[in-house]
Amino acid sequence: MFAYFLILFGAVLRVIPHAANFAPIGAVALFGGVYLNKRYALLLPLAAMFISDIFIGFDSLESRLMIYSCFVLIGLIGLWVRKHKNVLTIAGGSLFGSVVFYLITNCVFFYSTKMYPHTIGGQLASYTNALPFFRATVASDLFYTVILFGIYEVVLAWQKRRALSYDHQS
């Protein structure tokens, strides 16, 4: 049931008006990798993306496959973080996911358009011009990672405290 909530959370926040590249999908992918079983972890961001793409619209198949693949990679980062979970690995996983997304999607964009000459200079120009989007991606990934992980860990701590309190009363 929680996985469905995360899909809805990601899809709705991607559909409603927001700043460019400020959406929770990267954080949802990372969170799913850390807390859900492997299958759900990797399908979670894809479901949120597909549902929201129904409302936003689909662009090229090549673009969708690359973007969806990036979120699967972020889910895989989450599976690694799961085994080494602490504040630093969660923050690092979020930042690494943002970097992976930026590098892959802008490389694909560069090669799939004629906007820039297909030279090293053109590639550098493509990455440079995408920096504002990268900043938004990093900001949203960190923001939503803090929200998702923070709320989840607070609820877990509260449940443990309640369980201990209940055990002492019995």
Protein backbone atom coordinates (compact mmCIF):
# COMPACT_ATOMS: atom_id res chain seq x y z
CA MET A 1 0.00 0.00 0.00
CA PHE A 2 2.86 2.38 0.82
CA ALA A 3 4.33 1.86 -2.66
CA TYR A 4 1.04 3.04 -4.20
CA PHE A 5 1.18 6.17 -2.06
CA LEU A 6 4.73 6.88 -3.28
CA ILE A 7 3.67 6.41 -6.92
CA LEU A 8 0.75 8.79 -6.42
CA PHE A 9 2.97 11.26 -4.53
CA GLY A 10 5.54 11.28 -7.33
CA ALA A 11 3.01 11.44 -10.16
CA VAL A 12 0.83 14.17 -8.67
CA LEU A 13 3.75 16.41 -7.72
CA ARG A 14 5.16 16.00 -11.20
CA VAL A 15 1.85 16.93 -12.86
CA ILE A 16 0.93 19.98 -10.78
CA PRO A 17 2.69 23.21 -11.71
CA HIS A 18 6.26 23.33 -10.40
CA ALA A 19 9.63 24.81 -11.28
CA ALA A 20 11.48 23.07 -14.11
CA ASN A 21 13.15 19.85 -12.91
CA PHE A 22 11.79 20.30 -9.38
CA ALA A 23 9.94 17.02 -8.91
CA PRO A 24 10.18 14.16 -6.39
CA ILE A 25 10.85 11.24 -8.75
CA GLY A 26 14.58 10.97 -7.97
CA ALA A 27 13.90 11.01 -4.23
CA VAL A 28 11.09 8.46 -4.66
CA ALA A 29 13.47 6.19 -6.61
CA LEU A 30 16.16 6.48 -3.94
CA PHE A 31 13.68 5.99 -1.10
CA GLY A 32 12.16 2.95 -2.80
CA GLY A 33 15.60 1.42 -3.23
CA VAL A 34 16.33 1.84 0.47
CA TYR A 35 13.03 0.73 1.99
CA LEU A 36 11.08 -1.41 -0.49
CA ASN A 37 11.82 -4.83 -1.94
CA LYS A 38 13.97 -4.79 -5.06
CA ARG A 39 11.14 -5.29 -7.57
CA TYR A 40 9.01 -2.47 -6.18
CA ALA A 41 12.06 -0.25 -5.72
CA LEU A 42 12.85 -0.33 -9.42
CA LEU A 43 9.25 -0.19 -10.68
CA LEU A 44 8.13 2.59 -8.35
CA PRO A 45 9.67 5.57 -10.19
CA LEU A 46 8.74 4.08 -13.57
CA ALA A 47 5.09 3.84 -12.55
CA ALA A 48 5.09 7.42 -11.23
CA MET A 49 6.74 8.66 -14.44
CA PHE A 50 4.42 6.72 -16.75
CA ILE A 51 1.26 7.86 -14.95
CA SER A 52 2.37 11.49 -14.93
CA ASP A 53 3.51 11.26 -18.57
CA ILE A 54 -0.06 10.28 -19.51
CA PHE A 55 -1.14 13.74 -18.32
CA ILE A 56 1.97 15.73 -19.29
CA GLY A 57 2.58 14.00 -22.61
CA PHE A 58 5.23 11.71 -24.00
CA ASP A 59 8.12 12.99 -26.06
CA SER A 60 10.40 10.71 -28.05
CA LEU A 61 10.76 7.05 -27.15
CA GLU A 62 14.54 7.54 -26.95
CA SER A 63 14.10 10.34 -24.40
CA ARG A 64 11.61 8.41 -22.28
CA LEU A 65 13.81 5.30 -22.22
CA MET A 66 16.86 7.29 -21.12
CA ILE A 67 14.99 9.24 -18.45
CA TYR A 68 13.23 6.12 -17.14
CA SER A 69 16.56 4.27 -17.13
CA CYS A 70 18.10 7.05 -15.05
CA PHE A 71 15.44 6.56 -12.39
CA VAL A 72 16.09 2.81 -12.38
CA LEU A 73 19.77 3.63 -11.80
CA ILE A 74 18.79 5.89 -8.90
CA GLY A 75 16.74 2.99 -7.50
CA LEU A 76 19.87 0.83 -7.76
CA ILE A 77 21.80 3.52 -5.89
CA GLY A 78 19.09 3.22 -3.22
CA LEU A 79 19.67 -0.54 -3.02
CA TRP A 80 23.34 0.17 -2.30
CA VAL A 81 22.46 2.86 0.27
CA ARG A 82 20.17 0.31 2.00
CA LYS A 83 23.22 -1.76 2.92
CA HIS A 84 25.17 1.28 4.18
CA LYS A 85 22.33 3.50 5.43
CA ASN A 86 23.24 6.62 7.36
CA VAL A 87 22.70 10.33 6.83
CA LEU A 88 25.84 10.69 4.70
CA THR A 89 25.09 7.79 2.35
CA ILE A 90 21.51 8.97 1.92
CA ALA A 91 22.63 12.53 1.10
CA GLY A 92 25.46 11.20 -1.07
CA GLY A 93 23.08 8.83 -2.86
CA SER A 94 20.73 11.72 -3.56
CA LEU A 95 23.54 13.89 -4.94
CA PHE A 96 25.02 11.02 -6.95
CA GLY A 97 21.58 10.28 -8.42
CA SER A 98 21.25 13.93 -9.47
CA VAL A 99 24.67 13.83 -11.14
CA VAL A 100 23.89 10.56 -12.94
CA PHE A 101 20.60 12.00 -14.21
CA TYR A 102 22.30 15.22 -15.39
CA LEU A 103 25.19 13.49 -17.16
CA ILE A 104 23.11 10.83 -18.92
CA THR A 105 20.12 12.92 -19.96
CA ASN A 106 22.24 15.78 -21.26
CA CYS A 107 24.51 13.43 -23.15
CA VAL A 108 21.49 11.84 -24.84
CA PHE A 109 20.00 15.28 -25.54
CA PHE A 110 23.28 16.40 -27.07
CA TYR A 111 23.48 13.43 -29.42
CA SER A 112 19.78 13.35 -30.29
CA THR A 113 19.55 16.98 -31.43
CA LYS A 114 21.38 19.26 -33.79
CA MET A 115 21.26 22.13 -31.33
CA TYR A 116 25.01 21.87 -30.70
CA PRO A 117 27.87 20.80 -32.96
CA HIS A 118 28.87 17.23 -32.21
CA THR A 119 32.27 18.19 -30.88
CA ILE A 120 33.82 18.40 -27.41
CA GLY A 121 33.00 22.11 -27.42
CA GLY A 122 29.40 21.36 -28.33
CA GLN A 123 29.15 18.78 -25.56
CA LEU A 124 30.59 21.26 -23.04
CA ALA A 125 28.15 23.94 -24.23
CA SER A 126 25.27 21.48 -23.81
CA TYR A 127 26.29 20.63 -20.25
CA THR A 128 26.94 24.29 -19.40
CA ASN A 129 23.54 25.40 -20.69
CA ALA A 130 21.88 22.64 -18.65
CA LEU A 131 23.40 23.81 -15.34
CA PRO A 132 20.24 25.70 -14.23
CA PHE A 133 18.26 22.48 -14.67
CA PHE A 134 20.93 20.55 -12.78
CA ARG A 135 20.70 22.98 -9.85
CA ALA A 136 16.93 22.48 -9.74
CA THR A 137 17.36 18.70 -9.90
CA VAL A 138 19.84 18.71 -7.01
CA ALA A 139 17.62 21.03 -4.96
CA SER A 140 14.49 18.96 -5.53
CA ASP A 141 16.23 15.62 -4.98
CA LEU A 142 17.69 16.83 -1.68
CA PHE A 143 14.44 18.53 -0.61
CA TYR A 144 12.23 15.51 -1.29
CA THR A 145 14.85 13.11 0.08
CA VAL A 146 14.82 15.00 3.39
CA ILE A 147 11.00 14.98 3.39
CA LEU A 148 10.59 11.27 2.55
CA PHE A 149 13.43 9.87 4.64
CA GLY A 150 12.83 12.31 7.49
CA ILE A 151 9.13 11.57 7.87
CA TYR A 152 9.70 7.83 7.52
CA GLU A 153 12.44 7.72 10.15
CA VAL A 154 10.46 9.93 12.56
CA VAL A 155 7.43 7.63 12.21
CA LEU A 156 9.62 4.56 12.76
CA ALA A 157 11.16 6.09 15.90
CA TRP A 158 7.72 7.06 17.18
CA GLN A 159 6.40 3.53 16.59
CA LYS A 160 9.38 2.01 18.42
CA ARG A 161 8.88 4.37 21.34
CA ARG A 162 5.18 3.49 21.49
CA ALA A 163 5.96 -0.22 21.36
CA LEU A 164 8.49 0.13 24.20
CA SER A 165 6.04 2.17 26.23
CA TYR A 166 3.32 -0.44 25.65
CA ASP A 167 5.69 -3.28 26.66
CA HIS A 168 6.56 -1.49 29.91
CA GLN A 169 2.87 -0.98 30.73
CA SER A 170 2.05 -4.68 30.26
